Amino acid sequence: MEPILRGPRVHLGPVTDEHLDTISKWFNNSFFLRRLDAFPARPRSVDSLKEWRNEAADSNTEFIFSICEGDTFIGYVSLDGILWNQRNGWLAIAIGDPSHQGEGYGTEAMKLLIDYAFYELNLHRLQLTVFEYNQPAIWLYEKLGFTYEGAQREFILRDGGRYDMFMYGLLSHEWDEKNAQEPR
């Protein structure tokens, strides 16, 4: 059997208190927050992040993993909103330090999370949303095989402009087909 949470460069693991300190710093960066969420950018305390992490740990519909290269914390991925009867879930990724963006860490981490969702949790469908101005994330999702499924037009208002929120989905058999064509 292949390790399910470890890739060639990164591994997925628990989000520790040290990681939460770093994530709290990212939540002081409005550029980071405006790519991550439609909510107004606002800082989050370590205590509120601990609550978020602990609620996920107690949930059977939400999974949060740190992304680490060795001992270096790079970001986190989440799988949440799982509807077990429909075998659907939502994915997200956050890499807060620009020096770790565009280096392939997100691709590898998302592949691990997708494998976990399809092969460990036996989900059938994964979905996500992304704002039209987050082109690096769009490239990542399309490279991974996600299919554009539509847009919520002019969903978000930022800096006087209105932007669409794109919806993407990936089915387990599409992931199997993609993996059969590409070396892992």
C-alpha atoms as a PDB file:
ATOM      1  CA  MET A   1       0.000   0.000   0.000  1.00  0.00           C
ATOM      2  CA  GLU A   2       1.078   3.562  -0.725  1.00  0.00           C
ATOM      3  CA  PRO A   3       1.322   6.059   2.125  1.00  0.00           C
ATOM      4  CA  ILE A   4      -1.833   8.158   1.924  1.00  0.00           C
ATOM      5  CA  LEU A   5      -0.658  11.369   3.583  1.00  0.00           C
ATOM      6  CA  ARG A   6       2.950  11.528   2.393  1.00  0.00           C
ATOM      7  CA  GLY A   7       4.238  12.602  -0.989  1.00  0.00           C
ATOM      8  CA  PRO A   8       7.741  13.025  -2.419  1.00  0.00           C
ATOM      9  CA  ARG A   9       8.232  16.472  -0.814  1.00  0.00           C
ATOM     10  CA  VAL A  10       5.346  17.202   1.544  1.00  0.00           C
ATOM     11  CA  HIS A  11       3.276  15.369   4.066  1.00  0.00           C
ATOM     12  CA  LEU A  12      -0.117  16.119   5.575  1.00  0.00           C
ATOM     13  CA  GLY A  13      -0.414  16.017   9.341  1.00  0.00           C
ATOM     14  CA  PRO A  14      -2.172  17.571  12.305  1.00  0.00           C
ATOM     15  CA  VAL A  15      -2.395  21.336  12.689  1.00  0.00           C
ATOM     16  CA  THR A  16      -0.393  22.098  15.845  1.00  0.00           C
ATOM     17  CA  ASP A  17      -0.464  25.108  18.157  1.00  0.00           C
ATOM     18  CA  GLU A  18       2.765  26.322  16.502  1.00  0.00           C
ATOM     19  CA  HIS A  19       1.053  26.151  13.114  1.00  0.00           C
ATOM     20  CA  LEU A  20      -1.840  28.186  14.488  1.00  0.00           C
ATOM     21  CA  ASP A  21       0.593  30.947  15.467  1.00  0.00           C
ATOM     22  CA  THR A  22       1.716  31.113  11.833  1.00  0.00           C
ATOM     23  CA  ILE A  23      -1.837  30.942  10.462  1.00  0.00           C
ATOM     24  CA  SER A  24      -2.802  33.797  12.781  1.00  0.00           C
ATOM     25  CA  LYS A  25      -0.059  35.907  11.157  1.00  0.00           C
ATOM     26  CA  TRP A  26      -1.431  35.032   7.706  1.00  0.00           C
ATOM     27  CA  PHE A  27      -4.833  36.253   8.855  1.00  0.00           C
ATOM     28  CA  ASN A  28      -3.266  39.698   9.278  1.00  0.00           C
ATOM     29  CA  ASN A  29      -2.523  39.762   5.539  1.00  0.00           C
ATOM     30  CA  SER A  30      -5.531  41.076   3.618  1.00  0.00           C
ATOM     31  CA  PHE A  31      -4.116  39.842   0.274  1.00  0.00           C
ATOM     32  CA  PHE A  32      -4.060  36.295   1.658  1.00  0.00           C
ATOM     33  CA  LEU A  33      -7.564  36.610   3.116  1.00  0.00           C
ATOM     34  CA  ARG A  34      -9.097  38.111  -0.024  1.00  0.00           C
ATOM     35  CA  ARG A  35      -8.018  35.077  -2.034  1.00  0.00           C
ATOM     36  CA  LEU A  36      -9.186  32.655   0.649  1.00  0.00           C
ATOM     37  CA  ASP A  37     -12.630  33.882   1.580  1.00  0.00           C
ATOM     38  CA  ALA A  38     -15.521  36.173   0.670  1.00  0.00           C
ATOM     39  CA  PHE A  39     -15.858  37.399   4.243  1.00  0.00           C
ATOM     40  CA  PRO A  40     -14.346  40.771   5.054  1.00  0.00           C
ATOM     41  CA  ALA A  41     -10.622  40.491   5.762  1.00  0.00           C
ATOM     42  CA  ARG A  42     -10.035  40.539   9.506  1.00  0.00           C
ATOM     43  CA  PRO A  43      -7.412  39.150  11.829  1.00  0.00           C
ATOM     44  CA  ARG A  44      -8.099  36.007  13.826  1.00  0.00           C
ATOM     45  CA  SER A  45      -6.707  35.212  17.215  1.00  0.00           C
ATOM     46  CA  VAL A  46      -4.861  32.022  17.973  1.00  0.00           C
ATOM     47  CA  ASP A  47      -7.702  31.125  20.368  1.00  0.00           C
ATOM     48  CA  SER A  48     -10.320  31.392  17.598  1.00  0.00           C
ATOM     49  CA  LEU A  49      -8.125  29.277  15.335  1.00  0.00           C
ATOM     50  CA  LYS A  50      -7.751  26.677  18.101  1.00  0.00           C
ATOM     51  CA  GLU A  51     -11.517  26.519  18.313  1.00  0.00           C
ATOM     52  CA  TRP A  52     -11.722  26.030  14.509  1.00  0.00           C
ATOM     53  CA  ARG A  53      -9.113  23.251  14.643  1.00  0.00           C
ATOM     54  CA  ASN A  54     -10.678  21.539  17.658  1.00  0.00           C
ATOM     55  CA  GLU A  55     -14.172  21.622  16.161  1.00  0.00           C
ATOM     56  CA  ALA A  56     -12.786  19.954  13.025  1.00  0.00           C
ATOM     57  CA  ALA A  57     -11.029  17.317  15.137  1.00  0.00           C
ATOM     58  CA  ASP A  58     -14.354  16.464  16.807  1.00  0.00           C
ATOM     59  CA  SER A  59     -16.286  16.437  13.525  1.00  0.00           C
ATOM     60  CA  ASN A  60     -16.935  13.602  11.122  1.00  0.00           C
ATOM     61  CA  THR A  61     -17.649  16.043   8.278  1.00  0.00           C
ATOM     62  CA  GLU A  62     -14.502  18.169   8.421  1.00  0.00           C
ATOM     63  CA  PHE A  63     -10.813  17.303   8.135  1.00  0.00           C
ATOM     64  CA  ILE A  64      -7.965  19.817   8.378  1.00  0.00           C
ATOM     65  CA  PHE A  65      -4.358  18.882   7.656  1.00  0.00           C
ATOM     66  CA  SER A  66      -1.128  20.832   7.875  1.00  0.00           C
ATOM     67  CA  ILE A  67       1.130  20.846   4.820  1.00  0.00           C
ATOM     68  CA  CYS A  68       4.757  20.378   5.844  1.00  0.00           C
ATOM     69  CA  GLU A  69       8.020  19.856   4.034  1.00  0.00           C
ATOM     70  CA  GLY A  70      10.030  18.098   6.713  1.00  0.00           C
ATOM     71  CA  ASP A  71       9.560  20.276   9.793  1.00  0.00           C
ATOM     72  CA  THR A  72       8.663  23.389   7.780  1.00  0.00           C
ATOM     73  CA  PHE A  73       4.992  24.344   7.952  1.00  0.00           C
ATOM     74  CA  ILE A  74       3.832  25.551   4.541  1.00  0.00           C
ATOM     75  CA  GLY A  75       0.036  25.734   4.770  1.00  0.00           C
ATOM     76  CA  TYR A  76      -3.069  23.714   5.311  1.00  0.00           C
ATOM     77  CA  VAL A  77      -5.720  21.886   3.338  1.00  0.00           C
ATOM     78  CA  SER A  78      -9.249  21.159   4.389  1.00  0.00           C
ATOM     79  CA  LEU A  79     -11.991  18.805   3.378  1.00  0.00           C
ATOM     80  CA  ASP A  80     -15.299  19.852   4.866  1.00  0.00           C
ATOM     81  CA  GLY A  81     -19.037  20.080   4.352  1.00  0.00           C
ATOM     82  CA  ILE A  82     -19.087  16.345   3.727  1.00  0.00           C
ATOM     83  CA  LEU A  83     -22.505  14.940   2.904  1.00  0.00           C
ATOM     84  CA  TRP A  84     -21.925  11.273   3.615  1.00  0.00           C
ATOM     85  CA  ASN A  85     -25.209  10.101   2.089  1.00  0.00           C
ATOM     86  CA  GLN A  86     -24.264  11.822  -1.200  1.00  0.00           C
ATOM     87  CA  ARG A  87     -20.508  11.131  -0.831  1.00  0.00           C
ATOM     88  CA  ASN A  88     -19.668  14.790  -1.580  1.00  0.00           C
ATOM     89  CA  GLY A  89     -17.191  17.153   0.049  1.00  0.00           C
ATOM     90  CA  TRP A  90     -15.625  20.610  -0.311  1.00  0.00           C
ATOM     91  CA  LEU A  91     -11.877  21.217  -0.631  1.00  0.00           C
ATOM     92  CA  ALA A  92      -9.745  24.237   0.215  1.00  0.00           C
ATOM     93  CA  ILE A  93      -6.058  25.036   0.399  1.00  0.00           C
ATOM     94  CA  ALA A  94      -4.134  27.881   2.004  1.00  0.00           C
ATOM     95  CA  ILE A  95      -0.428  28.614   1.623  1.00  0.00           C
ATOM     96  CA  GLY A  96       0.281  31.899   3.343  1.00  0.00           C
ATOM     97  CA  ASP A  97       3.952  32.591   2.723  1.00  0.00           C
ATOM     98  CA  PRO A  98       4.515  33.830  -0.859  1.00  0.00           C
ATOM     99  CA  SER A  99       7.930  32.132  -0.921  1.00  0.00           C
ATOM    100  CA  HIS A 100       6.135  28.756  -0.809  1.00  0.00           C
ATOM    101  CA  GLN A 101       3.592  29.633  -3.496  1.00  0.00           C
ATOM    102  CA  GLY A 102       4.132  28.528  -7.081  1.00  0.00           C
ATOM    103  CA  GLU A 103       6.691  25.904  -6.030  1.00  0.00           C
ATOM    104  CA  GLY A 104       4.518  22.798  -6.489  1.00  0.00           C
ATOM    105  CA  TYR A 105       3.718  22.312  -2.798  1.00  0.00           C
ATOM    106  CA  GLY A 106       0.034  23.088  -3.341  1.00  0.00           C
ATOM    107  CA  THR A 107      -0.230  20.636  -6.219  1.00  0.00           C
ATOM    108  CA  GLU A 108       1.318  17.836  -4.193  1.00  0.00           C
ATOM    109  CA  ALA A 109      -0.741  18.614  -1.084  1.00  0.00           C
ATOM    110  CA  MET A 110      -3.978  18.723  -3.054  1.00  0.00           C
ATOM    111  CA  LYS A 111      -3.155  15.397  -4.739  1.00  0.00           C
ATOM    112  CA  LEU A 112      -2.689  13.865  -1.291  1.00  0.00           C
ATOM    113  CA  LEU A 113      -5.963  15.344  -0.046  1.00  0.00           C
ATOM    114  CA  ILE A 114      -7.851  14.191  -3.146  1.00  0.00           C
ATOM    115  CA  ASP A 115      -6.431  10.684  -2.775  1.00  0.00           C
ATOM    116  CA  TYR A 116      -7.462  10.721   0.891  1.00  0.00           C
ATOM    117  CA  ALA A 117     -10.980  11.857   0.008  1.00  0.00           C
ATOM    118  CA  PHE A 118     -11.510   9.304  -2.760  1.00  0.00           C
ATOM    119  CA  TYR A 119      -9.506   6.308  -1.549  1.00  0.00           C
ATOM    120  CA  GLU A 120      -9.708   6.560   2.241  1.00  0.00           C
ATOM    121  CA  LEU A 121     -13.073   8.256   2.787  1.00  0.00           C
ATOM    122  CA  ASN A 122     -14.638   6.765  -0.370  1.00  0.00           C
ATOM    123  CA  LEU A 123     -16.180  10.040  -1.470  1.00  0.00           C
ATOM    124  CA  HIS A 124     -17.503  10.313  -5.012  1.00  0.00           C
ATOM    125  CA  ARG A 125     -17.446  14.060  -5.697  1.00  0.00           C
ATOM    126  CA  LEU A 126     -15.224  16.920  -4.589  1.00  0.00           C
ATOM    127  CA  GLN A 127     -16.027  20.540  -5.193  1.00  0.00           C
ATOM    128  CA  LEU A 128     -14.595  23.964  -4.540  1.00  0.00           C
ATOM    129  CA  THR A 129     -15.071  27.613  -5.338  1.00  0.00           C
ATOM    130  CA  VAL A 130     -12.509  30.190  -6.418  1.00  0.00           C
ATOM    131  CA  PHE A 131     -12.714  33.885  -7.219  1.00  0.00           C
ATOM    132  CA  GLU A 132     -12.048  34.830 -10.817  1.00  0.00           C
ATOM    133  CA  TYR A 133      -9.125  37.055  -9.794  1.00  0.00           C
ATOM    134  CA  ASN A 134      -7.261  34.141  -8.156  1.00  0.00           C
ATOM    135  CA  GLN A 135      -5.643  32.902 -11.356  1.00  0.00           C
ATOM    136  CA  PRO A 136      -2.903  30.807  -9.657  1.00  0.00           C
ATOM    137  CA  ALA A 137      -5.574  28.769  -7.842  1.00  0.00           C
ATOM    138  CA  ILE A 138      -7.598  28.344 -11.041  1.00  0.00           C
ATOM    139  CA  TRP A 139      -4.501  26.991 -12.828  1.00  0.00           C
ATOM    140  CA  LEU A 140      -3.887  24.586  -9.943  1.00  0.00           C
ATOM    141  CA  TYR A 141      -7.444  23.242  -9.904  1.00  0.00           C
ATOM    142  CA  GLU A 142      -7.570  22.786 -13.674  1.00  0.00           C
ATOM    143  CA  LYS A 143      -4.152  21.086 -13.653  1.00  0.00           C
ATOM    144  CA  LEU A 144      -5.512  18.662 -11.053  1.00  0.00           C
ATOM    145  CA  GLY A 145      -8.436  17.804 -13.340  1.00  0.00           C
ATOM    146  CA  PHE A 146     -11.254  19.817 -11.785  1.00  0.00           C
ATOM    147  CA  THR A 147     -13.987  20.767 -14.248  1.00  0.00           C
ATOM    148  CA  TYR A 148     -15.415  24.273 -14.417  1.00  0.00           C
ATOM    149  CA  GLU A 149     -19.117  23.900 -13.595  1.00  0.00           C
ATOM    150  CA  GLY A 150     -20.335  27.468 -13.604  1.00  0.00           C
ATOM    151  CA  ALA A 151     -20.133  30.823 -11.924  1.00  0.00           C
ATOM    152  CA  GLN A 152     -21.999  32.851  -9.425  1.00  0.00           C
ATOM    153  CA  ARG A 153     -21.819  36.072 -11.389  1.00  0.00           C
ATOM    154  CA  GLU A 154     -20.613  39.257  -9.699  1.00  0.00           C
ATOM    155  CA  PHE A 155     -20.565  37.381  -6.394  1.00  0.00           C
ATOM    156  CA  ILE A 156     -17.913  39.465  -4.728  1.00  0.00           C
ATOM    157  CA  LEU A 157     -17.313  43.200  -4.527  1.00  0.00           C
ATOM    158  CA  ARG A 158     -13.706  44.186  -3.931  1.00  0.00           C
ATOM    159  CA  ASP A 159     -12.046  47.553  -4.471  1.00  0.00           C
ATOM    160  CA  GLY A 160     -14.946  48.867  -6.517  1.00  0.00           C
ATOM    161  CA  GLY A 161     -15.002  45.863  -8.880  1.00  0.00           C
ATOM    162  CA  ARG A 162     -17.400  42.954  -9.060  1.00  0.00           C
ATOM    163  CA  TYR A 163     -15.995  39.478  -9.584  1.00  0.00           C
ATOM    164  CA  ASP A 164     -17.471  36.079 -10.308  1.00  0.00           C
ATOM    165  CA  MET A 165     -17.021  33.092  -8.042  1.00  0.00           C
ATOM    166  CA  PHE A 166     -16.282  30.003 -10.129  1.00  0.00           C
ATOM    167  CA  MET A 167     -17.433  26.532  -9.152  1.00  0.00           C
ATOM    168  CA  TYR A 168     -15.331  23.471  -9.931  1.00  0.00           C
ATOM    169  CA  GLY A 169     -15.941  19.768  -9.392  1.00  0.00           C
ATOM    170  CA  LEU A 170     -14.046  16.509  -9.631  1.00  0.00           C
ATOM    171  CA  LEU A 171     -15.540  13.005  -9.675  1.00  0.00           C
ATOM    172  CA  SER A 172     -13.742   9.938  -8.392  1.00  0.00           C
ATOM    173  CA  HIS A 173     -13.759   8.162 -11.773  1.00  0.00           C
ATOM    174  CA  GLU A 174     -12.273  11.286 -13.411  1.00  0.00           C
ATOM    175  CA  TRP A 175      -9.457  11.218 -10.850  1.00  0.00           C
ATOM    176  CA  ASP A 176      -8.903   7.508 -11.521  1.00  0.00           C
ATOM    177  CA  GLU A 177      -8.737   8.165 -15.283  1.00  0.00           C
ATOM    178  CA  LYS A 178      -6.348  11.099 -14.842  1.00  0.00           C
ATOM    179  CA  ASN A 179      -4.065   9.035 -12.592  1.00  0.00           C
ATOM    180  CA  ALA A 180      -4.077   6.131 -15.047  1.00  0.00           C
ATOM    181  CA  GLN A 181      -2.734   8.489 -17.745  1.00  0.00           C
ATOM    182  CA  GLU A 182      -0.088  10.188 -15.587  1.00  0.00           C
ATOM    183  CA  PRO A 183       2.774   8.676 -13.668  1.00  0.00           C
ATOM    184  CA  ARG A 184       2.370   9.267  -9.930  1.00  0.00           C
END
